[in-house]
Amino acid sequence: MLYNDISWQLLPPELGFGSGQTCWRRLGRWHEAGVFDQLHRLLLAELHAAGELDWSRACVDASHIRAKKGAKAPVRRRSTAGRRAVSTI
């Protein structure tokens, strides 16, 4: 979904996964249940056991880690969104 930049509402029904809303809810439930973390751990364990991991090329990405409390808030930017016209009546 993210790779192709398609919204959930535009998910083709021909794929047989149900509506976009159904898929979105299922993925949310799987995430809350830890399915993806467990799947990731199992995959790494299997690859490691098979000698298929090259740790010399590993990289750490902390983009999913929450910012520390007390961090400076980002500077507030002026909105570029359109505004409703003032009524002249």
Protein backbone atom coordinates (compact mmCIF):
# COMPACT_ATOMS: atom_id res chain seq x y z
CA MET A 1 0.00 0.00 0.00
CA LEU A 2 2.61 2.55 1.00
CA TYR A 3 5.01 1.60 -1.77
CA ASN A 4 2.40 2.17 -4.47
CA ASP A 5 0.90 5.18 -2.69
CA ILE A 6 -2.66 3.94 -3.03
CA SER A 7 -5.27 4.88 -0.47
CA TRP A 8 -7.20 2.17 1.35
CA GLN A 9 -10.43 3.34 -0.30
CA LEU A 10 -8.95 2.64 -3.75
CA LEU A 11 -7.91 -0.95 -2.97
CA PRO A 12 -9.22 -3.05 -5.89
CA PRO A 13 -11.90 -5.52 -4.75
CA GLU A 14 -10.61 -7.98 -7.38
CA LEU A 15 -7.69 -8.73 -5.05
CA GLY A 16 -10.14 -10.50 -2.74
CA PHE A 17 -8.98 -8.89 0.52
CA GLY A 18 -12.27 -7.20 1.31
CA SER A 19 -12.81 -3.47 1.42
CA GLY A 20 -10.00 -1.03 2.10
CA GLN A 21 -11.52 -0.25 5.49
CA THR A 22 -11.52 -3.96 6.40
CA CYS A 23 -7.85 -4.32 5.43
CA TRP A 24 -6.92 -1.21 7.40
CA ARG A 25 -8.69 -2.53 10.51
CA ARG A 26 -7.09 -5.98 10.18
CA LEU A 27 -3.59 -4.53 9.84
CA GLY A 28 -4.24 -2.36 12.90
CA ARG A 29 -5.34 -5.38 14.93
CA TRP A 30 -2.35 -7.41 13.78
CA HIS A 31 -0.03 -4.56 14.73
CA GLU A 32 -1.59 -4.26 18.21
CA ALA A 33 -1.29 -8.04 18.67
CA GLY A 34 2.44 -7.91 17.83
CA VAL A 35 2.12 -10.08 14.72
CA PHE A 36 4.64 -8.06 12.70
CA ASP A 37 7.24 -7.93 15.48
CA GLN A 38 6.96 -11.69 15.97
CA LEU A 39 7.16 -12.32 12.22
CA HIS A 40 10.25 -10.11 12.00
CA ARG A 41 11.95 -11.98 14.87
CA LEU A 42 11.14 -15.38 13.33
CA LEU A 43 12.44 -14.33 9.92
CA LEU A 44 15.70 -13.00 11.42
CA ALA A 45 16.14 -16.20 13.45
CA GLU A 46 15.66 -18.40 10.39
CA LEU A 47 17.99 -16.32 8.24
CA HIS A 48 20.61 -16.30 11.01
CA ALA A 49 20.37 -20.09 11.46
CA ALA A 50 20.84 -20.54 7.70
CA GLY A 51 23.87 -18.22 7.69
CA GLU A 52 22.10 -15.84 5.33
CA LEU A 53 22.59 -12.64 7.34
CA ASP A 54 25.53 -10.33 6.66
CA TRP A 55 25.72 -8.25 9.84
CA SER A 56 28.63 -6.23 8.43
CA ARG A 57 26.06 -4.47 6.24
CA ALA A 58 23.48 -3.90 8.99
CA CYS A 59 22.12 -0.46 9.76
CA VAL A 60 20.06 0.83 12.65
CA ASP A 61 17.02 3.02 12.01
CA ALA A 62 15.46 4.71 15.01
CA SER A 63 12.78 6.62 13.13
CA HIS A 64 10.08 4.57 14.91
CA ILE A 65 11.28 5.52 18.39
CA ARG A 66 9.25 8.18 20.17
CA ALA A 67 10.86 11.53 20.89
CA LYS A 68 11.95 12.14 24.46
CA LYS A 69 9.70 14.15 26.70
CA GLY A 70 10.85 17.71 27.13
CA ALA A 71 12.17 17.96 23.59
CA LYS A 72 11.69 21.32 21.96
CA ALA A 73 8.45 21.63 20.02
CA PRO A 74 8.83 22.35 16.31
CA VAL A 75 8.48 25.96 15.25
CA ARG A 76 4.90 26.75 14.33
CA ARG A 77 4.54 27.51 10.64
CA ARG A 78 1.98 29.73 9.03
CA SER A 79 -0.72 27.74 7.26
CA THR A 80 -0.79 27.79 3.48
CA ALA A 81 -4.26 26.25 3.40
CA GLY A 82 -7.01 28.19 1.70
CA ARG A 83 -9.51 30.08 3.79
CA ARG A 84 -13.19 30.61 3.31
CA ALA A 85 -14.06 33.94 1.77
CA VAL A 86 -15.63 36.53 4.06
CA SER A 87 -19.30 37.04 3.31
CA THR A 88 -19.96 40.43 1.75
CA ILE A 89 -23.69 40.28 2.21
